[in-house]
Amino acid sequence: MKHRPKHIAEYVALVLIAGLIRALPLRAALALGWFFAAGTHFIGRINVERTRERIREVCGDDCPNRKIRRIAWISWRNLFFNGIEALRFSKLTLEDIRRQPMAVIEPEIQRIVAESPEGFILATPHMGNWEIAAVSADLIGVPLFAIARKQKNPLIDGYINKMRSTFGLEVIFKEAREWKGIVDRIKTGNVMAILPDIGVRTKGVTVPFMNGQATIAPGAARFSHLANCAIYPVAMRRVGWTRHAAVILKPIQPDASVDKEADQIRIMAELMGALSQEILKTPEQYFWYNKRWVLKPSQ
């Protein structure tokens, strides 16, 4: 298949950047990311004002401007740090993960896996480095799978899939629409990872979230009902530049004795409520720049 010049150029740029990032020591690579984050934030001003408005909408008019500016900057910087760490995932080892603060939840995760032969769902918002949560779970032996979209550039899509193949993490593409296969995977003891804080225009449920109302995709609740399994909310946080902490929250169970649609709304309300509390504790850890802004799904 012949590729478009744009796709080739993007692919070559990615390969070169990824090679440089992997060759550098971690802190040097992150420093490079900090430089580009600062330039695009403080000079390029990419979506800065819009994002500050979002933060003020959630935190309230009493929130000091200095705090709002800091939240917006750290959130943007973390996006670049996350991208750099993603390009270095192939270098991660189990020993690396166990030296991280998030290692404290490993015994609990292993206990849940052992006590859940039917599988379960891990739901984490766009907070901290949410991608490293999946890689870490895979490295400690959790039979994890996730749903993802294919990239528009087929060369980059192939490159990313090759990187994913470094781990046992199974990725199911949304385009395949293998909904039954997803339920079967959970029922046979696998663990589904999902990002629940995605705003949608249609076929969503509206629930309280971050001091507002969010219309979100109810996928976590639907799969919980279909597989009759628990949802465990997980919050990730970056500590400094290179450290990652995690907390696993109280599980949310489906109730087959009540109306299915009503119970799905209840599940999503509980899930987003629990995640809201964690986000508002450290709002700079949340990704406020998401194009599909969860409190304004029409955007």
C-alpha atoms as a PDB file:
ATOM      1  CA  MET A   1       0.000   0.000   0.000  1.00  0.00           C
ATOM      2  CA  LYS A   2       1.377   3.407  -0.967  1.00  0.00           C
ATOM      3  CA  HIS A   3       1.516   5.892   1.898  1.00  0.00           C
ATOM      4  CA  ARG A   4       0.889   9.619   1.694  1.00  0.00           C
ATOM      5  CA  PRO A   5       3.962  11.906   1.987  1.00  0.00           C
ATOM      6  CA  LYS A   6       2.413  13.476   5.101  1.00  0.00           C
ATOM      7  CA  HIS A   7       2.137  10.060   6.768  1.00  0.00           C
ATOM      8  CA  ILE A   8       5.741   9.215   5.871  1.00  0.00           C
ATOM      9  CA  ALA A   9       7.009  12.542   7.225  1.00  0.00           C
ATOM     10  CA  GLU A  10       5.081  12.103  10.490  1.00  0.00           C
ATOM     11  CA  TYR A  11       6.372   8.563  10.865  1.00  0.00           C
ATOM     12  CA  VAL A  12      10.007   9.515  10.256  1.00  0.00           C
ATOM     13  CA  ALA A  13       9.720  12.388  12.752  1.00  0.00           C
ATOM     14  CA  LEU A  14       8.231  10.061  15.377  1.00  0.00           C
ATOM     15  CA  VAL A  15      10.935   7.417  14.895  1.00  0.00           C
ATOM     16  CA  LEU A  16      13.718   9.994  15.174  1.00  0.00           C
ATOM     17  CA  ILE A  17      12.215  11.642  18.258  1.00  0.00           C
ATOM     18  CA  ALA A  18      11.527   8.275  19.900  1.00  0.00           C
ATOM     19  CA  GLY A  19      15.120   7.182  19.271  1.00  0.00           C
ATOM     20  CA  LEU A  20      16.468  10.343  20.883  1.00  0.00           C
ATOM     21  CA  ILE A  21      14.110  10.052  23.862  1.00  0.00           C
ATOM     22  CA  ARG A  22      15.105   6.438  24.511  1.00  0.00           C
ATOM     23  CA  ALA A  23      18.825   7.220  24.159  1.00  0.00           C
ATOM     24  CA  LEU A  24      18.757  10.017  26.739  1.00  0.00           C
ATOM     25  CA  PRO A  25      18.686   9.432  30.502  1.00  0.00           C
ATOM     26  CA  LEU A  26      15.139   9.749  31.846  1.00  0.00           C
ATOM     27  CA  ARG A  27      15.602  13.129  33.528  1.00  0.00           C
ATOM     28  CA  ALA A  28      17.326  14.558  30.452  1.00  0.00           C
ATOM     29  CA  ALA A  29      14.458  13.342  28.257  1.00  0.00           C
ATOM     30  CA  LEU A  30      11.922  14.877  30.635  1.00  0.00           C
ATOM     31  CA  ALA A  31      13.900  18.136  30.652  1.00  0.00           C
ATOM     32  CA  LEU A  32      13.586  18.211  26.870  1.00  0.00           C
ATOM     33  CA  GLY A  33       9.857  17.674  27.273  1.00  0.00           C
ATOM     34  CA  TRP A  34       9.703  20.475  29.851  1.00  0.00           C
ATOM     35  CA  PHE A  35      11.379  22.830  27.365  1.00  0.00           C
ATOM     36  CA  PHE A  36       8.809  22.153  24.630  1.00  0.00           C
ATOM     37  CA  ALA A  37       5.923  22.236  27.126  1.00  0.00           C
ATOM     38  CA  ALA A  38       7.053  25.638  28.420  1.00  0.00           C
ATOM     39  CA  GLY A  39       7.487  27.039  24.930  1.00  0.00           C
ATOM     40  CA  THR A  40       4.049  25.952  23.719  1.00  0.00           C
ATOM     41  CA  HIS A  41       2.361  27.000  26.974  1.00  0.00           C
ATOM     42  CA  PHE A  42       3.957  30.327  27.864  1.00  0.00           C
ATOM     43  CA  ILE A  43       4.877  31.517  24.358  1.00  0.00           C
ATOM     44  CA  GLY A  44       2.630  29.581  21.985  1.00  0.00           C
ATOM     45  CA  ARG A  45      -0.288  29.867  24.447  1.00  0.00           C
ATOM     46  CA  ILE A  46      -1.938  26.720  23.076  1.00  0.00           C
ATOM     47  CA  ASN A  47      -5.465  26.545  24.536  1.00  0.00           C
ATOM     48  CA  VAL A  48      -4.251  28.280  27.702  1.00  0.00           C
ATOM     49  CA  GLU A  49      -7.137  30.713  28.218  1.00  0.00           C
ATOM     50  CA  ARG A  50      -9.783  28.109  27.407  1.00  0.00           C
ATOM     51  CA  THR A  51      -8.242  25.728  29.887  1.00  0.00           C
ATOM     52  CA  ARG A  52      -8.015  28.328  32.632  1.00  0.00           C
ATOM     53  CA  GLU A  53     -11.709  29.037  32.117  1.00  0.00           C
ATOM     54  CA  ARG A  54     -12.449  25.333  32.569  1.00  0.00           C
ATOM     55  CA  ILE A  55     -10.449  25.233  35.789  1.00  0.00           C
ATOM     56  CA  ARG A  56     -12.205  28.314  37.154  1.00  0.00           C
ATOM     57  CA  GLU A  57     -15.572  26.786  36.223  1.00  0.00           C
ATOM     58  CA  VAL A  58     -14.753  23.795  38.411  1.00  0.00           C
ATOM     59  CA  CYS A  59     -12.768  25.418  41.218  1.00  0.00           C
ATOM     60  CA  GLY A  60     -14.971  28.511  41.530  1.00  0.00           C
ATOM     61  CA  ASP A  61     -14.451  32.268  41.295  1.00  0.00           C
ATOM     62  CA  ASP A  62     -12.778  32.300  44.714  1.00  0.00           C
ATOM     63  CA  CYS A  63      -9.883  30.220  43.413  1.00  0.00           C
ATOM     64  CA  PRO A  64      -6.791  32.488  43.176  1.00  0.00           C
ATOM     65  CA  ASN A  65      -5.520  33.267  39.681  1.00  0.00           C
ATOM     66  CA  ARG A  66      -2.064  32.076  40.698  1.00  0.00           C
ATOM     67  CA  LYS A  67      -3.429  28.650  41.589  1.00  0.00           C
ATOM     68  CA  ILE A  68      -5.387  28.427  38.332  1.00  0.00           C
ATOM     69  CA  ARG A  69      -2.268  29.298  36.324  1.00  0.00           C
ATOM     70  CA  ARG A  70      -0.265  26.661  38.173  1.00  0.00           C
ATOM     71  CA  ILE A  71      -2.905  23.962  37.616  1.00  0.00           C
ATOM     72  CA  ALA A  72      -3.024  24.744  33.883  1.00  0.00           C
ATOM     73  CA  TRP A  73       0.779  24.682  33.544  1.00  0.00           C
ATOM     74  CA  ILE A  74       1.381  21.454  35.473  1.00  0.00           C
ATOM     75  CA  SER A  75      -1.418  19.724  33.561  1.00  0.00           C
ATOM     76  CA  TRP A  76       0.152  20.747  30.237  1.00  0.00           C
ATOM     77  CA  ARG A  77       3.675  19.827  31.369  1.00  0.00           C
ATOM     78  CA  ASN A  78       2.468  16.413  32.491  1.00  0.00           C
ATOM     79  CA  LEU A  79       1.058  15.750  29.015  1.00  0.00           C
ATOM     80  CA  PHE A  80       4.572  16.107  27.560  1.00  0.00           C
ATOM     81  CA  PHE A  81       6.072  14.042  30.376  1.00  0.00           C
ATOM     82  CA  ASN A  82       3.492  11.320  29.731  1.00  0.00           C
ATOM     83  CA  GLY A  83       4.343  11.266  26.041  1.00  0.00           C
ATOM     84  CA  ILE A  84       8.057  10.936  26.745  1.00  0.00           C
ATOM     85  CA  GLU A  85       7.471   8.128  29.225  1.00  0.00           C
ATOM     86  CA  ALA A  86       5.245   6.346  26.697  1.00  0.00           C
ATOM     87  CA  LEU A  87       8.104   6.345  24.172  1.00  0.00           C
ATOM     88  CA  ARG A  88      10.272   4.717  26.835  1.00  0.00           C
ATOM     89  CA  PHE A  89       7.788   2.046  27.996  1.00  0.00           C
ATOM     90  CA  SER A  90       9.826  -0.674  26.306  1.00  0.00           C
ATOM     91  CA  LYS A  91      12.633   0.086  28.783  1.00  0.00           C
ATOM     92  CA  LEU A  92      10.410  -0.464  31.842  1.00  0.00           C
ATOM     93  CA  THR A  93      10.922  -3.562  33.966  1.00  0.00           C
ATOM     94  CA  LEU A  94       9.030  -5.098  36.860  1.00  0.00           C
ATOM     95  CA  GLU A  95      11.793  -3.894  39.185  1.00  0.00           C
ATOM     96  CA  ASP A  96      11.281  -0.320  37.935  1.00  0.00           C
ATOM     97  CA  ILE A  97       7.587  -0.498  38.747  1.00  0.00           C
ATOM     98  CA  ARG A  98       8.170  -1.962  42.189  1.00  0.00           C
ATOM     99  CA  ARG A  99      10.451   0.957  43.073  1.00  0.00           C
ATOM    100  CA  GLN A 100       7.591   3.377  42.416  1.00  0.00           C
ATOM    101  CA  PRO A 101       5.169   4.641  45.116  1.00  0.00           C
ATOM    102  CA  MET A 102       2.311   2.993  43.209  1.00  0.00           C
ATOM    103  CA  ALA A 103       3.790  -0.400  44.118  1.00  0.00           C
ATOM    104  CA  VAL A 104       1.905  -0.173  47.430  1.00  0.00           C
ATOM    105  CA  ILE A 105      -1.321  -1.206  45.677  1.00  0.00           C
ATOM    106  CA  GLU A 106       0.194  -4.326  44.055  1.00  0.00           C
ATOM    107  CA  PRO A 107      -0.837  -6.687  46.905  1.00  0.00           C
ATOM    108  CA  GLU A 108      -4.396  -5.370  46.753  1.00  0.00           C
ATOM    109  CA  ILE A 109      -4.560  -5.741  42.974  1.00  0.00           C
ATOM    110  CA  GLN A 110      -3.202  -9.289  43.195  1.00  0.00           C
ATOM    111  CA  ARG A 111      -5.763 -10.114  45.901  1.00  0.00           C
ATOM    112  CA  ILE A 112      -8.617  -8.778  43.756  1.00  0.00           C
ATOM    113  CA  VAL A 113      -7.410 -10.803  40.756  1.00  0.00           C
ATOM    114  CA  ALA A 114      -7.207 -13.964  42.876  1.00  0.00           C
ATOM    115  CA  GLU A 115     -10.709 -13.403  44.289  1.00  0.00           C
ATOM    116  CA  SER A 116     -12.290 -12.497  40.928  1.00  0.00           C
ATOM    117  CA  PRO A 117     -12.142 -15.516  38.613  1.00  0.00           C
ATOM    118  CA  GLU A 118     -14.882 -13.838  36.555  1.00  0.00           C
ATOM    119  CA  GLY A 119     -12.726 -10.728  35.951  1.00  0.00           C
ATOM    120  CA  PHE A 120     -13.419  -7.072  36.653  1.00  0.00           C
ATOM    121  CA  ILE A 121     -12.978  -3.518  35.326  1.00  0.00           C
ATOM    122  CA  LEU A 122     -10.313  -0.963  36.262  1.00  0.00           C
ATOM    123  CA  ALA A 123     -11.486   2.597  35.574  1.00  0.00           C
ATOM    124  CA  THR A 124      -8.990   5.454  35.709  1.00  0.00           C
ATOM    125  CA  PRO A 125      -9.529   9.049  34.561  1.00  0.00           C
ATOM    126  CA  HIS A 126      -7.136  11.184  32.500  1.00  0.00           C
ATOM    127  CA  MET A 127      -5.072  11.873  35.604  1.00  0.00           C
ATOM    128  CA  GLY A 128      -1.361  11.580  36.325  1.00  0.00           C
ATOM    129  CA  ASN A 129       0.154   9.192  33.799  1.00  0.00           C
ATOM    130  CA  TRP A 130      -2.889   7.048  33.086  1.00  0.00           C
ATOM    131  CA  GLU A 131      -1.007   5.039  30.435  1.00  0.00           C
ATOM    132  CA  ILE A 132       1.610   3.804  32.890  1.00  0.00           C
ATOM    133  CA  ALA A 133      -1.179   2.323  34.993  1.00  0.00           C
ATOM    134  CA  ALA A 134      -1.936  -0.204  32.240  1.00  0.00           C
ATOM    135  CA  VAL A 135       1.725  -0.997  31.593  1.00  0.00           C
ATOM    136  CA  SER A 136       2.348  -1.476  35.331  1.00  0.00           C
ATOM    137  CA  ALA A 137      -0.636  -3.805  35.722  1.00  0.00           C
ATOM    138  CA  ASP A 138       0.609  -5.860  32.788  1.00  0.00           C
ATOM    139  CA  LEU A 139       4.115  -6.116  34.258  1.00  0.00           C
ATOM    140  CA  ILE A 140       2.856  -7.420  37.601  1.00  0.00           C
ATOM    141  CA  GLY A 141       0.924 -10.145  35.794  1.00  0.00           C
ATOM    142  CA  VAL A 142      -2.630  -8.791  35.619  1.00  0.00           C
ATOM    143  CA  PRO A 143      -4.393 -10.258  32.528  1.00  0.00           C
ATOM    144  CA  LEU A 144      -5.279  -6.804  31.226  1.00  0.00           C
ATOM    145  CA  PHE A 145      -6.840  -5.604  27.986  1.00  0.00           C
ATOM    146  CA  ALA A 146      -7.979  -2.202  26.774  1.00  0.00           C
ATOM    147  CA  ILE A 147      -9.987  -0.594  23.987  1.00  0.00           C
ATOM    148  CA  ALA A 148      -8.316   1.941  21.694  1.00  0.00           C
ATOM    149  CA  ARG A 149      -8.887   3.823  18.456  1.00  0.00           C
ATOM    150  CA  LYS A 150      -6.703   3.275  15.421  1.00  0.00           C
ATOM    151  CA  GLN A 151      -4.463   6.181  14.437  1.00  0.00           C
ATOM    152  CA  LYS A 152      -5.297   8.060  11.230  1.00  0.00           C
ATOM    153  CA  ASN A 153      -1.715   7.571  10.068  1.00  0.00           C
ATOM    154  CA  PRO A 154      -1.324   3.803   9.356  1.00  0.00           C
ATOM    155  CA  LEU A 155       2.456   3.990   9.731  1.00  0.00           C
ATOM    156  CA  ILE A 156       2.197   5.522  13.192  1.00  0.00           C
ATOM    157  CA  ASP A 157      -0.565   3.061  14.066  1.00  0.00           C
ATOM    158  CA  GLY A 158       1.760   0.195  13.182  1.00  0.00           C
ATOM    159  CA  TYR A 159       4.601   1.744  15.172  1.00  0.00           C
ATOM    160  CA  ILE A 160       2.425   2.112  18.266  1.00  0.00           C
ATOM    161  CA  ASN A 161       1.145  -1.451  17.941  1.00  0.00           C
ATOM    162  CA  LYS A 162       4.724  -2.696  17.706  1.00  0.00           C
ATOM    163  CA  MET A 163       5.528  -0.853  20.934  1.00  0.00           C
ATOM    164  CA  ARG A 164       2.477  -2.388  22.605  1.00  0.00           C
ATOM    165  CA  SER A 165       3.611  -5.851  21.578  1.00  0.00           C
ATOM    166  CA  THR A 166       6.547  -5.434  23.974  1.00  0.00           C
ATOM    167  CA  PHE A 167       4.031  -6.199  26.719  1.00  0.00           C
ATOM    168  CA  GLY A 168       1.232  -8.719  27.087  1.00  0.00           C
ATOM    169  CA  LEU A 169      -1.371  -5.945  27.106  1.00  0.00           C
ATOM    170  CA  GLU A 170      -4.096  -6.820  24.601  1.00  0.00           C
ATOM    171  CA  VAL A 171      -5.642  -3.937  22.672  1.00  0.00           C
ATOM    172  CA  ILE A 172      -9.068  -4.200  21.045  1.00  0.00           C
ATOM    173  CA  PHE A 173      -9.833  -1.532  18.482  1.00  0.00           C
ATOM    174  CA  LYS A 174     -13.141   0.298  18.673  1.00  0.00           C
ATOM    175  CA  GLU A 175     -13.527  -0.040  14.937  1.00  0.00           C
ATOM    176  CA  ALA A 176     -13.831  -3.821  15.309  1.00  0.00           C
ATOM    177  CA  ARG A 177     -16.934  -3.491  17.543  1.00  0.00           C
ATOM    178  CA  GLU A 178     -16.237  -6.814  19.237  1.00  0.00           C
ATOM    179  CA  TRP A 179     -18.576  -6.093  22.139  1.00  0.00           C
ATOM    180  CA  LYS A 180     -19.399  -9.751  22.777  1.00  0.00           C
ATOM    181  CA  GLY A 181     -15.727 -10.596  22.710  1.00  0.00           C
ATOM    182  CA  ILE A 182     -15.081  -7.956  25.360  1.00  0.00           C
ATOM    183  CA  VAL A 183     -17.724  -9.410  27.676  1.00  0.00           C
ATOM    184  CA  ASP A 184     -16.403 -12.929  27.112  1.00  0.00           C
ATOM    185  CA  ARG A 185     -12.881 -11.793  27.988  1.00  0.00           C
ATOM    186  CA  ILE A 186     -14.052 -10.328  31.296  1.00  0.00           C
ATOM    187  CA  LYS A 187     -16.146 -13.393  32.153  1.00  0.00           C
ATOM    188  CA  THR A 188     -13.145 -15.662  31.630  1.00  0.00           C
ATOM    189  CA  GLY A 189     -11.037 -13.789  34.173  1.00  0.00           C
ATOM    190  CA  ASN A 190      -9.469 -10.931  32.224  1.00  0.00           C
ATOM    191  CA  VAL A 191      -9.379  -7.342  33.430  1.00  0.00           C
ATOM    192  CA  MET A 192     -10.654  -4.474  31.305  1.00  0.00           C
ATOM    193  CA  ALA A 193      -8.966  -1.060  31.588  1.00  0.00           C
ATOM    194  CA  ILE A 194     -11.130   1.919  30.671  1.00  0.00           C
ATOM    195  CA  LEU A 195     -10.995   5.726  30.727  1.00  0.00           C
ATOM    196  CA  PRO A 196     -14.520   6.722  31.827  1.00  0.00           C
ATOM    197  CA  ASP A 197     -14.247  10.538  31.689  1.00  0.00           C
ATOM    198  CA  ILE A 198     -15.068  10.898  27.982  1.00  0.00           C
ATOM    199  CA  GLY A 199     -17.688  13.433  26.975  1.00  0.00           C
ATOM    200  CA  VAL A 200     -20.185  12.401  24.303  1.00  0.00           C
ATOM    201  CA  ARG A 201     -22.854  14.184  22.287  1.00  0.00           C
ATOM    202  CA  THR A 202     -25.311  11.297  22.034  1.00  0.00           C
ATOM    203  CA  LYS A 203     -26.177   8.073  23.853  1.00  0.00           C
ATOM    204  CA  GLY A 204     -24.519   9.235  27.046  1.00  0.00           C
ATOM    205  CA  VAL A 205     -25.650   9.526  30.653  1.00  0.00           C
ATOM    206  CA  THR A 206     -25.586  12.795  32.580  1.00  0.00           C
ATOM    207  CA  VAL A 207     -24.146  12.621  36.080  1.00  0.00           C
ATOM    208  CA  PRO A 208     -22.507  15.007  38.587  1.00  0.00           C
ATOM    209  CA  PHE A 209     -18.779  15.428  38.002  1.00  0.00           C
ATOM    210  CA  MET A 210     -16.252  17.969  39.267  1.00  0.00           C
ATOM    211  CA  ASN A 211     -18.833  20.429  40.614  1.00  0.00           C
ATOM    212  CA  GLY A 212     -20.811  20.285  37.374  1.00  0.00           C
ATOM    213  CA  GLN A 213     -22.807  17.954  35.139  1.00  0.00           C
ATOM    214  CA  ALA A 214     -21.096  15.688  32.641  1.00  0.00           C
ATOM    215  CA  THR A 215     -22.665  13.736  29.793  1.00  0.00           C
ATOM    216  CA  ILE A 216     -20.402  10.737  29.423  1.00  0.00           C
ATOM    217  CA  ALA A 217     -20.205   7.397  27.686  1.00  0.00           C
ATOM    218  CA  PRO A 218     -21.662   4.700  29.980  1.00  0.00           C
ATOM    219  CA  GLY A 219     -19.373   1.957  28.669  1.00  0.00           C
ATOM    220  CA  ALA A 220     -17.963   1.031  32.085  1.00  0.00           C
ATOM    221  CA  ALA A 221     -21.454   0.531  33.522  1.00  0.00           C
ATOM    222  CA  ARG A 222     -22.720  -1.387  30.484  1.00  0.00           C
ATOM    223  CA  PHE A 223     -19.820  -3.833  30.507  1.00  0.00           C
ATOM    224  CA  SER A 224     -20.175  -4.167  34.283  1.00  0.00           C
ATOM    225  CA  HIS A 225     -23.802  -5.238  33.792  1.00  0.00           C
ATOM    226  CA  LEU A 226     -23.137  -7.492  30.810  1.00  0.00           C
ATOM    227  CA  ALA A 227     -20.275  -9.296  32.541  1.00  0.00           C
ATOM    228  CA  ASN A 228     -21.798  -9.001  36.036  1.00  0.00           C
ATOM    229  CA  CYS A 229     -18.513  -7.716  37.426  1.00  0.00           C
ATOM    230  CA  ALA A 230     -17.223  -4.998  39.725  1.00  0.00           C
ATOM    231  CA  ILE A 231     -15.648  -1.702  38.688  1.00  0.00           C
ATOM    232  CA  TYR A 232     -12.593  -0.596  40.666  1.00  0.00           C
ATOM    233  CA  PRO A 233     -11.825   3.139  40.337  1.00  0.00           C
ATOM    234  CA  VAL A 234      -8.106   3.944  40.263  1.00  0.00           C
ATOM    235  CA  ALA A 235      -6.476   7.388  40.504  1.00  0.00           C
ATOM    236  CA  MET A 236      -2.907   7.992  39.298  1.00  0.00           C
ATOM    237  CA  ARG A 237      -0.688  10.888  40.396  1.00  0.00           C
ATOM    238  CA  ARG A 238       2.727  12.071  39.279  1.00  0.00           C
ATOM    239  CA  VAL A 239       5.052  12.775  42.219  1.00  0.00           C
ATOM    240  CA  GLY A 240       7.731  15.226  41.159  1.00  0.00           C
ATOM    241  CA  TRP A 241       9.066  14.419  37.705  1.00  0.00           C
ATOM    242  CA  THR A 242       9.736  10.703  37.740  1.00  0.00           C
ATOM    243  CA  ARG A 243       7.601   9.097  40.436  1.00  0.00           C
ATOM    244  CA  HIS A 244       4.052   7.759  40.183  1.00  0.00           C
ATOM    245  CA  ALA A 245       1.561   7.048  42.949  1.00  0.00           C
ATOM    246  CA  ALA A 246      -1.771   5.256  42.720  1.00  0.00           C
ATOM    247  CA  VAL A 247      -4.813   4.657  44.865  1.00  0.00           C
ATOM    248  CA  ILE A 248      -7.495   2.032  44.307  1.00  0.00           C
ATOM    249  CA  LEU A 249     -10.953   2.963  45.567  1.00  0.00           C
ATOM    250  CA  LYS A 250     -14.004   1.097  46.814  1.00  0.00           C
ATOM    251  CA  PRO A 251     -15.499  -1.204  44.144  1.00  0.00           C
ATOM    252  CA  ILE A 252     -18.830  -0.461  42.490  1.00  0.00           C
ATOM    253  CA  GLN A 253     -21.097  -3.453  41.909  1.00  0.00           C
ATOM    254  CA  PRO A 254     -23.942  -3.839  39.370  1.00  0.00           C
ATOM    255  CA  ASP A 255     -27.418  -4.656  40.676  1.00  0.00           C
ATOM    256  CA  ALA A 256     -29.294  -7.073  38.400  1.00  0.00           C
ATOM    257  CA  SER A 257     -32.488  -6.753  40.487  1.00  0.00           C
ATOM    258  CA  VAL A 258     -33.287  -3.204  39.325  1.00  0.00           C
ATOM    259  CA  ASP A 259     -33.918  -1.516  35.986  1.00  0.00           C
ATOM    260  CA  LYS A 260     -30.771  -1.870  33.882  1.00  0.00           C
ATOM    261  CA  GLU A 261     -30.656   1.681  32.523  1.00  0.00           C
ATOM    262  CA  ALA A 262     -31.360   3.220  35.917  1.00  0.00           C
ATOM    263  CA  ASP A 263     -28.643   1.120  37.501  1.00  0.00           C
ATOM    264  CA  GLN A 264     -26.152   2.129  34.822  1.00  0.00           C
ATOM    265  CA  ILE A 265     -26.787   5.778  35.673  1.00  0.00           C
ATOM    266  CA  ARG A 266     -26.295   4.954  39.359  1.00  0.00           C
ATOM    267  CA  ILE A 267     -23.021   3.152  38.591  1.00  0.00           C
ATOM    268  CA  MET A 268     -21.650   6.013  36.505  1.00  0.00           C
ATOM    269  CA  ALA A 269     -22.720   8.554  39.143  1.00  0.00           C
ATOM    270  CA  GLU A 270     -20.878   6.611  41.848  1.00  0.00           C
ATOM    271  CA  LEU A 271     -17.838   6.101  39.650  1.00  0.00           C
ATOM    272  CA  MET A 272     -17.527   9.718  38.542  1.00  0.00           C
ATOM    273  CA  GLY A 273     -18.270  10.932  42.053  1.00  0.00           C
ATOM    274  CA  ALA A 274     -15.411   8.877  43.486  1.00  0.00           C
ATOM    275  CA  LEU A 275     -13.036  10.046  40.763  1.00  0.00           C
ATOM    276  CA  SER A 276     -14.146  13.671  41.233  1.00  0.00           C
ATOM    277  CA  GLN A 277     -13.051  13.592  44.845  1.00  0.00           C
ATOM    278  CA  GLU A 278      -9.606  12.348  43.851  1.00  0.00           C
ATOM    279  CA  ILE A 279      -9.217  14.880  41.028  1.00  0.00           C
ATOM    280  CA  LEU A 280     -10.206  17.840  43.213  1.00  0.00           C
ATOM    281  CA  LYS A 281      -7.615  16.846  45.833  1.00  0.00           C
ATOM    282  CA  THR A 282      -4.849  17.472  43.269  1.00  0.00           C
ATOM    283  CA  PRO A 283      -6.462  19.228  40.269  1.00  0.00           C
ATOM    284  CA  GLU A 284      -3.105  19.880  38.586  1.00  0.00           C
ATOM    285  CA  GLN A 285      -2.884  16.128  37.981  1.00  0.00           C
ATOM    286  CA  TYR A 286      -5.962  16.140  35.717  1.00  0.00           C
ATOM    287  CA  PHE A 287      -5.811  16.614  31.938  1.00  0.00           C
ATOM    288  CA  TRP A 288      -7.880  19.773  31.521  1.00  0.00           C
ATOM    289  CA  TYR A 289      -6.963  20.152  27.832  1.00  0.00           C
ATOM    290  CA  ASN A 290      -9.012  17.219  26.528  1.00  0.00           C
ATOM    291  CA  LYS A 291     -10.734  18.202  23.253  1.00  0.00           C
ATOM    292  CA  ARG A 292     -13.763  16.138  24.223  1.00  0.00           C
ATOM    293  CA  TRP A 293     -14.213  18.244  27.346  1.00  0.00           C
ATOM    294  CA  VAL A 294     -16.349  16.224  29.692  1.00  0.00           C
ATOM    295  CA  LEU A 295     -18.364  19.150  31.119  1.00  0.00           C
ATOM    296  CA  LYS A 296     -19.193  20.513  27.647  1.00  0.00           C
ATOM    297  CA  PRO A 297     -19.748  17.538  25.328  1.00  0.00           C
ATOM    298  CA  SER A 298     -21.061  19.768  22.524  1.00  0.00           C
ATOM    299  CA  GLN A 299     -17.535  21.129  21.936  1.00  0.00           C
END
